């Protein structure tokens, strides 16, 4: 089963609309003054870039491997300088970014420690280095419902469940990753946002867009098995009197400070 990270609008419908809410809370928590130089690693479709823009950065740069996502981000945040690149080998000069941030990226980097080291390398001395990831194990409820239903029908689906695959879904591993990268004053916090769907179709349709692990799993199913999964979810999801599905999403955020100059490549 493959997963595609190219179609920005489909990703927005699936996760991006909820990430934007987290990004606003995250940037407020950082409390960075205006006029700083920001770097967003794994900028995707621009949710975190847009939130950072509200702080009035002196310069705003985004890096992402997906040219399709960069095209969406470029249309939504034209003020940002966007560069194609890998989080584990950033095409950025060392020691220059006063704020280095990353939203929902670390779980999808082959070796997260390399990415964290790169974040520290490109950060200016005293600069803020921060990130957030979804709590796939418990707090990202829309996905928890999905994988619980999927594994009920197909126990082999548990191999794709982000809650068991990703180890950085908790504050402890995030703090350890930051400390190991040489960052100091490390703090973590939970960010909870509501995820309200107008009805079942609003919940289910984004899973048909192919952008991400769960949509990739849905795309791999036969029409019959896809229908069975939709039917079980329809039965299980909680409904309000107006037919809406009111869930919540939790992200774990981490921040620290780069306290000394890093080697320049």
C-alpha atoms as a PDB file:
ATOM      1  CA  UNK A   1       0.000   0.000   0.000  1.00  0.00           C
ATOM      2  CA  UNK A   2       1.429   3.382  -0.977  1.00  0.00           C
ATOM      3  CA  UNK A   3       0.620   6.877   0.198  1.00  0.00           C
ATOM      4  CA  UNK A   4       0.813  10.025  -1.866  1.00  0.00           C
ATOM      5  CA  UNK A   5       1.677  13.524  -0.646  1.00  0.00           C
ATOM      6  CA  UNK A   6       1.066  15.630  -3.730  1.00  0.00           C
ATOM      7  CA  UNK A   7      -2.553  16.822  -4.037  1.00  0.00           C
ATOM      8  CA  UNK A   8      -2.801  19.805  -1.730  1.00  0.00           C
ATOM      9  CA  UNK A   9      -6.558  20.334  -1.843  1.00  0.00           C
ATOM     10  CA  UNK A  10      -7.255  16.700  -0.943  1.00  0.00           C
ATOM     11  CA  UNK A  11      -4.837  16.900   1.971  1.00  0.00           C
ATOM     12  CA  UNK A  12      -6.526  20.112   3.155  1.00  0.00           C
ATOM     13  CA  UNK A  13      -9.897  18.353   3.268  1.00  0.00           C
ATOM     14  CA  UNK A  14      -8.421  15.398   5.152  1.00  0.00           C
ATOM     15  CA  UNK A  15      -6.081  16.960   7.741  1.00  0.00           C
ATOM     16  CA  UNK A  16      -5.063  20.462   6.681  1.00  0.00           C
ATOM     17  CA  UNK A  17      -8.245  22.131   7.897  1.00  0.00           C
ATOM     18  CA  UNK A  18      -7.601  20.815  11.413  1.00  0.00           C
ATOM     19  CA  UNK A  19      -3.861  21.514  11.284  1.00  0.00           C
ATOM     20  CA  UNK A  20      -4.585  25.205  10.697  1.00  0.00           C
ATOM     21  CA  UNK A  21      -6.342  25.393  14.070  1.00  0.00           C
ATOM     22  CA  UNK A  22      -3.437  23.708  15.827  1.00  0.00           C
ATOM     23  CA  UNK A  23      -0.949  25.977  14.033  1.00  0.00           C
ATOM     24  CA  UNK A  24      -2.596  29.113  15.422  1.00  0.00           C
ATOM     25  CA  UNK A  25      -2.472  27.781  18.995  1.00  0.00           C
ATOM     26  CA  UNK A  26       1.114  26.623  18.465  1.00  0.00           C
ATOM     27  CA  UNK A  27       2.365  30.006  17.216  1.00  0.00           C
ATOM     28  CA  UNK A  28       0.620  31.794  20.091  1.00  0.00           C
ATOM     29  CA  UNK A  29       2.332  29.426  22.556  1.00  0.00           C
ATOM     30  CA  UNK A  30       5.759  30.209  21.073  1.00  0.00           C
ATOM     31  CA  UNK A  31       5.279  33.902  21.785  1.00  0.00           C
ATOM     32  CA  UNK A  32       7.911  35.005  19.258  1.00  0.00           C
ATOM     33  CA  UNK A  33       8.140  38.800  18.751  1.00  0.00           C
ATOM     34  CA  UNK A  34       7.655  40.344  15.320  1.00  0.00           C
ATOM     35  CA  UNK A  35      10.580  40.854  12.976  1.00  0.00           C
ATOM     36  CA  UNK A  36      12.226  37.455  13.374  1.00  0.00           C
ATOM     37  CA  UNK A  37      13.412  35.161  10.569  1.00  0.00           C
ATOM     38  CA  UNK A  38      11.238  32.013  10.388  1.00  0.00           C
ATOM     39  CA  UNK A  39      11.879  28.635   8.746  1.00  0.00           C
ATOM     40  CA  UNK A  40       9.051  26.100   8.432  1.00  0.00           C
ATOM     41  CA  UNK A  41      10.366  22.586   7.737  1.00  0.00           C
ATOM     42  CA  UNK A  42       7.863  20.268   6.073  1.00  0.00           C
ATOM     43  CA  UNK A  43       5.632  23.243   5.350  1.00  0.00           C
ATOM     44  CA  UNK A  44       3.126  21.181   3.358  1.00  0.00           C
ATOM     45  CA  UNK A  45       0.175  23.198   2.098  1.00  0.00           C
ATOM     46  CA  UNK A  46       1.058  26.228   4.238  1.00  0.00           C
ATOM     47  CA  UNK A  47      -1.024  25.940   7.419  1.00  0.00           C
ATOM     48  CA  UNK A  48       1.862  26.803   9.738  1.00  0.00           C
ATOM     49  CA  UNK A  49       3.322  29.342   7.301  1.00  0.00           C
ATOM     50  CA  UNK A  50       0.027  31.239   7.356  1.00  0.00           C
ATOM     51  CA  UNK A  51      -0.072  31.213  11.160  1.00  0.00           C
ATOM     52  CA  UNK A  52       3.536  32.443  11.334  1.00  0.00           C
ATOM     53  CA  UNK A  53       2.750  35.242   8.890  1.00  0.00           C
ATOM     54  CA  UNK A  54       0.408  36.765  11.463  1.00  0.00           C
ATOM     55  CA  UNK A  55       3.460  37.391  13.674  1.00  0.00           C
ATOM     56  CA  UNK A  56       4.978  39.653  10.989  1.00  0.00           C
ATOM     57  CA  UNK A  57       8.274  37.825  10.369  1.00  0.00           C
ATOM     58  CA  UNK A  58      11.190  39.643   8.772  1.00  0.00           C
ATOM     59  CA  UNK A  59      11.529  36.674   6.414  1.00  0.00           C
ATOM     60  CA  UNK A  60       9.472  33.509   6.066  1.00  0.00           C
ATOM     61  CA  UNK A  61      10.866  30.399   4.366  1.00  0.00           C
ATOM     62  CA  UNK A  62       9.236  26.994   3.864  1.00  0.00           C
ATOM     63  CA  UNK A  63      10.842  23.688   2.896  1.00  0.00           C
ATOM     64  CA  UNK A  64       9.010  20.562   1.734  1.00  0.00           C
ATOM     65  CA  UNK A  65       9.752  17.505  -0.393  1.00  0.00           C
ATOM     66  CA  UNK A  66       6.372  17.600  -2.161  1.00  0.00           C
ATOM     67  CA  UNK A  67       6.262  19.898  -5.188  1.00  0.00           C
ATOM     68  CA  UNK A  68       2.496  19.522  -5.246  1.00  0.00           C
ATOM     69  CA  UNK A  69       2.133  20.715  -1.666  1.00  0.00           C
ATOM     70  CA  UNK A  70       4.574  23.554  -2.327  1.00  0.00           C
ATOM     71  CA  UNK A  71       2.374  24.716  -5.213  1.00  0.00           C
ATOM     72  CA  UNK A  72      -0.619  24.885  -2.873  1.00  0.00           C
ATOM     73  CA  UNK A  73       1.410  26.697  -0.208  1.00  0.00           C
ATOM     74  CA  UNK A  74       2.734  29.159  -2.787  1.00  0.00           C
ATOM     75  CA  UNK A  75      -0.811  30.073  -3.812  1.00  0.00           C
ATOM     76  CA  UNK A  76      -1.971  30.476  -0.208  1.00  0.00           C
ATOM     77  CA  UNK A  77       1.082  32.170   1.297  1.00  0.00           C
ATOM     78  CA  UNK A  78       2.771  34.080  -1.549  1.00  0.00           C
ATOM     79  CA  UNK A  79       4.800  36.076   0.977  1.00  0.00           C
ATOM     80  CA  UNK A  80       6.915  33.000   1.821  1.00  0.00           C
ATOM     81  CA  UNK A  81      10.078  31.846   0.069  1.00  0.00           C
ATOM     82  CA  UNK A  82       9.480  28.165  -0.714  1.00  0.00           C
ATOM     83  CA  UNK A  83      12.196  25.615  -1.379  1.00  0.00           C
ATOM     84  CA  UNK A  84      12.064  21.903  -2.235  1.00  0.00           C
ATOM     85  CA  UNK A  85      14.146  19.920   0.232  1.00  0.00           C
ATOM     86  CA  UNK A  86      14.423  17.143   2.801  1.00  0.00           C
ATOM     87  CA  UNK A  87      13.996  17.760   6.542  1.00  0.00           C
ATOM     88  CA  UNK A  88      16.977  15.508   7.246  1.00  0.00           C
ATOM     89  CA  UNK A  89      19.284  17.430   4.874  1.00  0.00           C
ATOM     90  CA  UNK A  90      18.045  20.999   4.742  1.00  0.00           C
ATOM     91  CA  UNK A  91      19.213  23.172   1.828  1.00  0.00           C
ATOM     92  CA  UNK A  92      19.623  26.066   4.278  1.00  0.00           C
ATOM     93  CA  UNK A  93      22.751  27.771   5.578  1.00  0.00           C
ATOM     94  CA  UNK A  94      23.503  27.059   9.218  1.00  0.00           C
ATOM     95  CA  UNK A  95      22.887  29.379  12.157  1.00  0.00           C
ATOM     96  CA  UNK A  96      20.569  31.831  10.386  1.00  0.00           C
ATOM     97  CA  UNK A  97      16.921  31.112  11.283  1.00  0.00           C
ATOM     98  CA  UNK A  98      15.753  32.769  14.495  1.00  0.00           C
ATOM     99  CA  UNK A  99      12.665  30.538  14.588  1.00  0.00           C
ATOM    100  CA  UNK A 100      12.643  26.979  13.207  1.00  0.00           C
ATOM    101  CA  UNK A 101       9.274  25.238  13.263  1.00  0.00           C
ATOM    102  CA  UNK A 102       7.800  22.035  11.887  1.00  0.00           C
ATOM    103  CA  UNK A 103       4.188  20.885  11.850  1.00  0.00           C
ATOM    104  CA  UNK A 104       3.099  17.239  11.463  1.00  0.00           C
ATOM    105  CA  UNK A 105       6.356  16.252   9.767  1.00  0.00           C
ATOM    106  CA  UNK A 106       8.617  14.411  12.211  1.00  0.00           C
ATOM    107  CA  UNK A 107       6.673  11.139  12.109  1.00  0.00           C
ATOM    108  CA  UNK A 108       7.235  10.915   8.362  1.00  0.00           C
ATOM    109  CA  UNK A 109      10.995  11.483   8.418  1.00  0.00           C
ATOM    110  CA  UNK A 110      13.020   8.274   8.120  1.00  0.00           C
ATOM    111  CA  UNK A 111      15.351   9.192  10.996  1.00  0.00           C
ATOM    112  CA  UNK A 112      13.748  11.917  13.171  1.00  0.00           C
ATOM    113  CA  UNK A 113      17.003  12.484  15.071  1.00  0.00           C
ATOM    114  CA  UNK A 114      18.650  13.648  11.840  1.00  0.00           C
ATOM    115  CA  UNK A 115      15.847  16.138  11.239  1.00  0.00           C
ATOM    116  CA  UNK A 116      16.068  17.470  14.807  1.00  0.00           C
ATOM    117  CA  UNK A 117      19.832  17.871  14.386  1.00  0.00           C
ATOM    118  CA  UNK A 118      19.227  19.791  11.176  1.00  0.00           C
ATOM    119  CA  UNK A 119      16.712  22.051  12.919  1.00  0.00           C
ATOM    120  CA  UNK A 120      19.349  22.820  15.549  1.00  0.00           C
ATOM    121  CA  UNK A 121      22.040  23.358  12.900  1.00  0.00           C
ATOM    122  CA  UNK A 122      20.121  25.997  10.951  1.00  0.00           C
ATOM    123  CA  UNK A 123      18.858  27.815  14.075  1.00  0.00           C
ATOM    124  CA  UNK A 124      20.565  31.023  15.147  1.00  0.00           C
ATOM    125  CA  UNK A 125      22.134  31.026  18.634  1.00  0.00           C
ATOM    126  CA  UNK A 126      19.315  31.655  21.092  1.00  0.00           C
ATOM    127  CA  UNK A 127      16.739  30.858  18.432  1.00  0.00           C
ATOM    128  CA  UNK A 128      13.518  28.936  19.039  1.00  0.00           C
ATOM    129  CA  UNK A 129      13.197  25.414  17.626  1.00  0.00           C
ATOM    130  CA  UNK A 130       9.710  23.904  17.889  1.00  0.00           C
ATOM    131  CA  UNK A 131       7.414  21.318  16.338  1.00  0.00           C
ATOM    132  CA  UNK A 132       4.115  19.528  16.767  1.00  0.00           C
ATOM    133  CA  UNK A 133       2.793  16.081  15.821  1.00  0.00           C
ATOM    134  CA  UNK A 134      -0.618  14.457  16.044  1.00  0.00           C
ATOM    135  CA  UNK A 135      -1.335  12.227  19.019  1.00  0.00           C
ATOM    136  CA  UNK A 136      -2.136   9.280  16.759  1.00  0.00           C
ATOM    137  CA  UNK A 137      -2.305   6.808  19.649  1.00  0.00           C
ATOM    138  CA  UNK A 138      -5.263   8.393  21.468  1.00  0.00           C
ATOM    139  CA  UNK A 139      -5.923  12.042  20.744  1.00  0.00           C
ATOM    140  CA  UNK A 140      -6.525  12.203  16.974  1.00  0.00           C
ATOM    141  CA  UNK A 141     -10.049  10.816  17.359  1.00  0.00           C
ATOM    142  CA  UNK A 142     -11.116  10.875  13.688  1.00  0.00           C
ATOM    143  CA  UNK A 143      -8.225   8.536  12.855  1.00  0.00           C
ATOM    144  CA  UNK A 144      -8.706   6.423  15.982  1.00  0.00           C
ATOM    145  CA  UNK A 145     -12.293   5.671  14.924  1.00  0.00           C
ATOM    146  CA  UNK A 146     -11.085   4.871  11.415  1.00  0.00           C
ATOM    147  CA  UNK A 147      -8.356   2.397  12.404  1.00  0.00           C
ATOM    148  CA  UNK A 148     -10.474   0.732  15.082  1.00  0.00           C
ATOM    149  CA  UNK A 149     -13.139   0.037  12.439  1.00  0.00           C
ATOM    150  CA  UNK A 150     -10.590  -0.979   9.808  1.00  0.00           C
ATOM    151  CA  UNK A 151      -8.897  -3.517  12.092  1.00  0.00           C
ATOM    152  CA  UNK A 152     -12.266  -4.939  13.158  1.00  0.00           C
ATOM    153  CA  UNK A 153     -12.889  -5.886   9.524  1.00  0.00           C
ATOM    154  CA  UNK A 154      -9.256  -6.588   8.589  1.00  0.00           C
ATOM    155  CA  UNK A 155      -6.823  -7.326  11.442  1.00  0.00           C
ATOM    156  CA  UNK A 156      -3.918  -6.853   9.003  1.00  0.00           C
ATOM    157  CA  UNK A 157      -4.824  -3.156   8.824  1.00  0.00           C
ATOM    158  CA  UNK A 158      -3.164  -2.706  12.222  1.00  0.00           C
ATOM    159  CA  UNK A 159       0.189  -2.703  10.385  1.00  0.00           C
ATOM    160  CA  UNK A 160      -0.716   0.701   8.907  1.00  0.00           C
ATOM    161  CA  UNK A 161      -2.196   2.298  12.041  1.00  0.00           C
ATOM    162  CA  UNK A 162      -0.189   5.453  12.839  1.00  0.00           C
ATOM    163  CA  UNK A 163      -0.924   4.998  16.536  1.00  0.00           C
ATOM    164  CA  UNK A 164       1.239   1.891  16.708  1.00  0.00           C
ATOM    165  CA  UNK A 165       3.740   2.794  13.976  1.00  0.00           C
ATOM    166  CA  UNK A 166       4.894   6.189  15.184  1.00  0.00           C
ATOM    167  CA  UNK A 167       6.864   6.585  18.401  1.00  0.00           C
ATOM    168  CA  UNK A 168       6.809  10.395  18.576  1.00  0.00           C
ATOM    169  CA  UNK A 169       3.130  10.700  19.485  1.00  0.00           C
ATOM    170  CA  UNK A 170       3.877  11.434  23.141  1.00  0.00           C
ATOM    171  CA  UNK A 171       5.546  14.299  25.020  1.00  0.00           C
ATOM    172  CA  UNK A 172       8.316  12.138  26.484  1.00  0.00           C
ATOM    173  CA  UNK A 173       9.856  10.995  23.170  1.00  0.00           C
ATOM    174  CA  UNK A 174       9.535  14.508  21.741  1.00  0.00           C
ATOM    175  CA  UNK A 175      11.366  16.057  24.692  1.00  0.00           C
ATOM    176  CA  UNK A 176      14.083  13.407  24.447  1.00  0.00           C
ATOM    177  CA  UNK A 177      14.512  14.097  20.731  1.00  0.00           C
ATOM    178  CA  UNK A 178      14.960  17.829  21.366  1.00  0.00           C
ATOM    179  CA  UNK A 179      17.386  17.311  24.239  1.00  0.00           C
ATOM    180  CA  UNK A 180      19.466  14.865  22.179  1.00  0.00           C
ATOM    181  CA  UNK A 181      19.726  17.516  19.445  1.00  0.00           C
ATOM    182  CA  UNK A 182      21.440  19.842  21.938  1.00  0.00           C
ATOM    183  CA  UNK A 183      18.466  22.136  22.519  1.00  0.00           C
ATOM    184  CA  UNK A 184      17.877  23.550  25.995  1.00  0.00           C
ATOM    185  CA  UNK A 185      14.921  24.739  28.027  1.00  0.00           C
ATOM    186  CA  UNK A 186      12.822  22.005  26.425  1.00  0.00           C
ATOM    187  CA  UNK A 187       9.062  22.136  27.071  1.00  0.00           C
ATOM    188  CA  UNK A 188       6.072  20.187  25.742  1.00  0.00           C
ATOM    189  CA  UNK A 189       2.330  20.749  25.777  1.00  0.00           C
ATOM    190  CA  UNK A 190      -0.872  19.322  24.367  1.00  0.00           C
ATOM    191  CA  UNK A 191      -2.916  21.324  21.878  1.00  0.00           C
ATOM    192  CA  UNK A 192      -6.553  20.212  21.572  1.00  0.00           C
ATOM    193  CA  UNK A 193      -8.890  21.457  18.861  1.00  0.00           C
ATOM    194  CA  UNK A 194     -12.474  20.519  17.913  1.00  0.00           C
ATOM    195  CA  UNK A 195     -13.001  18.603  14.665  1.00  0.00           C
ATOM    196  CA  UNK A 196     -16.680  18.975  13.804  1.00  0.00           C
ATOM    197  CA  UNK A 197     -18.050  17.242  10.699  1.00  0.00           C
ATOM    198  CA  UNK A 198     -21.409  18.302   9.287  1.00  0.00           C
ATOM    199  CA  UNK A 199     -22.362  14.674   8.724  1.00  0.00           C
ATOM    200  CA  UNK A 200     -21.001  11.307   7.706  1.00  0.00           C
ATOM    201  CA  UNK A 201     -20.110  12.365   4.163  1.00  0.00           C
ATOM    202  CA  UNK A 202     -18.038  15.278   5.494  1.00  0.00           C
ATOM    203  CA  UNK A 203     -16.134  12.760   7.637  1.00  0.00           C
ATOM    204  CA  UNK A 204     -15.790   9.995   5.021  1.00  0.00           C
ATOM    205  CA  UNK A 205     -15.129  11.791   1.728  1.00  0.00           C
ATOM    206  CA  UNK A 206     -11.614  13.024   2.699  1.00  0.00           C
ATOM    207  CA  UNK A 207     -10.600   9.395   3.244  1.00  0.00           C
ATOM    208  CA  UNK A 208     -11.222   8.858  -0.477  1.00  0.00           C
ATOM    209  CA  UNK A 209      -8.658  11.494  -1.520  1.00  0.00           C
ATOM    210  CA  UNK A 210      -5.548   9.313  -1.363  1.00  0.00           C
ATOM    211  CA  UNK A 211      -3.442  11.770   0.694  1.00  0.00           C
ATOM    212  CA  UNK A 212      -2.012  10.038   3.741  1.00  0.00           C
ATOM    213  CA  UNK A 213      -1.849   6.591   5.312  1.00  0.00           C
ATOM    214  CA  UNK A 214      -5.532   5.992   6.033  1.00  0.00           C
ATOM    215  CA  UNK A 215      -6.706   7.298   2.615  1.00  0.00           C
ATOM    216  CA  UNK A 216      -3.972   5.176   1.018  1.00  0.00           C
ATOM    217  CA  UNK A 217      -5.372   2.146   2.821  1.00  0.00           C
ATOM    218  CA  UNK A 218      -8.897   2.953   1.620  1.00  0.00           C
ATOM    219  CA  UNK A 219      -7.627   3.238  -1.962  1.00  0.00           C
ATOM    220  CA  UNK A 220      -6.154  -0.275  -1.681  1.00  0.00           C
ATOM    221  CA  UNK A 221      -9.544  -1.840  -0.828  1.00  0.00           C
ATOM    222  CA  UNK A 222     -12.025  -3.403  -3.216  1.00  0.00           C
ATOM    223  CA  UNK A 223     -15.304  -1.560  -3.658  1.00  0.00           C
ATOM    224  CA  UNK A 224     -17.054  -4.151  -1.496  1.00  0.00           C
ATOM    225  CA  UNK A 225     -14.560  -3.877   1.377  1.00  0.00           C
ATOM    226  CA  UNK A 226     -14.550  -0.087   1.132  1.00  0.00           C
ATOM    227  CA  UNK A 227     -18.342  -0.110   1.442  1.00  0.00           C
ATOM    228  CA  UNK A 228     -18.192  -2.395   4.474  1.00  0.00           C
ATOM    229  CA  UNK A 229     -15.717  -0.076   6.189  1.00  0.00           C
ATOM    230  CA  UNK A 230     -17.888   2.958   5.461  1.00  0.00           C
ATOM    231  CA  UNK A 231     -20.915   1.113   6.809  1.00  0.00           C
ATOM    232  CA  UNK A 232     -19.224   0.170  10.064  1.00  0.00           C
ATOM    233  CA  UNK A 233     -17.959   3.704  10.594  1.00  0.00           C
ATOM    234  CA  UNK A 234     -21.448   5.064   9.912  1.00  0.00           C
ATOM    235  CA  UNK A 235     -22.776   2.802  12.665  1.00  0.00           C
ATOM    236  CA  UNK A 236     -20.063   3.621  15.183  1.00  0.00           C
ATOM    237  CA  UNK A 237     -19.430   7.348  14.878  1.00  0.00           C
ATOM    238  CA  UNK A 238     -21.238   9.470  17.489  1.00  0.00           C
ATOM    239  CA  UNK A 239     -23.925  11.775  16.096  1.00  0.00           C
ATOM    240  CA  UNK A 240     -25.400  14.937  17.560  1.00  0.00           C
ATOM    241  CA  UNK A 241     -29.125  15.674  17.200  1.00  0.00           C
ATOM    242  CA  UNK A 242     -28.425  17.730  14.074  1.00  0.00           C
ATOM    243  CA  UNK A 243     -26.501  14.843  12.464  1.00  0.00           C
ATOM    244  CA  UNK A 244     -23.085  16.400  12.996  1.00  0.00           C
ATOM    245  CA  UNK A 245     -20.125  14.360  14.211  1.00  0.00           C
ATOM    246  CA  UNK A 246     -18.300  16.226  16.959  1.00  0.00           C
ATOM    247  CA  UNK A 247     -14.821  14.905  17.660  1.00  0.00           C
ATOM    248  CA  UNK A 248     -11.537  16.333  18.912  1.00  0.00           C
ATOM    249  CA  UNK A 249      -7.918  16.265  17.749  1.00  0.00           C
ATOM    250  CA  UNK A 250      -4.862  16.467  19.969  1.00  0.00           C
ATOM    251  CA  UNK A 251      -1.352  17.419  18.913  1.00  0.00           C
ATOM    252  CA  UNK A 252       1.747  17.315  21.097  1.00  0.00           C
ATOM    253  CA  UNK A 253       4.072  20.292  20.744  1.00  0.00           C
ATOM    254  CA  UNK A 254       7.699  20.706  21.794  1.00  0.00           C
ATOM    255  CA  UNK A 255      10.000  23.728  21.925  1.00  0.00           C
ATOM    256  CA  UNK A 256      13.573  24.491  22.941  1.00  0.00           C
ATOM    257  CA  UNK A 257      16.395  26.954  22.418  1.00  0.00           C
ATOM    258  CA  UNK A 258      19.545  26.754  20.314  1.00  0.00           C
ATOM    259  CA  UNK A 259      22.158  28.110  22.674  1.00  0.00           C
ATOM    260  CA  UNK A 260      25.345  27.971  20.652  1.00  0.00           C
ATOM    261  CA  UNK A 261      26.485  28.473  17.112  1.00  0.00           C
ATOM    262  CA  UNK A 262      26.200  25.477  14.804  1.00  0.00           C
ATOM    263  CA  UNK A 263      28.640  24.513  12.047  1.00  0.00           C
ATOM    264  CA  UNK A 264      27.864  26.114   8.693  1.00  0.00           C
ATOM    265  CA  UNK A 265      27.841  23.763   5.735  1.00  0.00           C
END
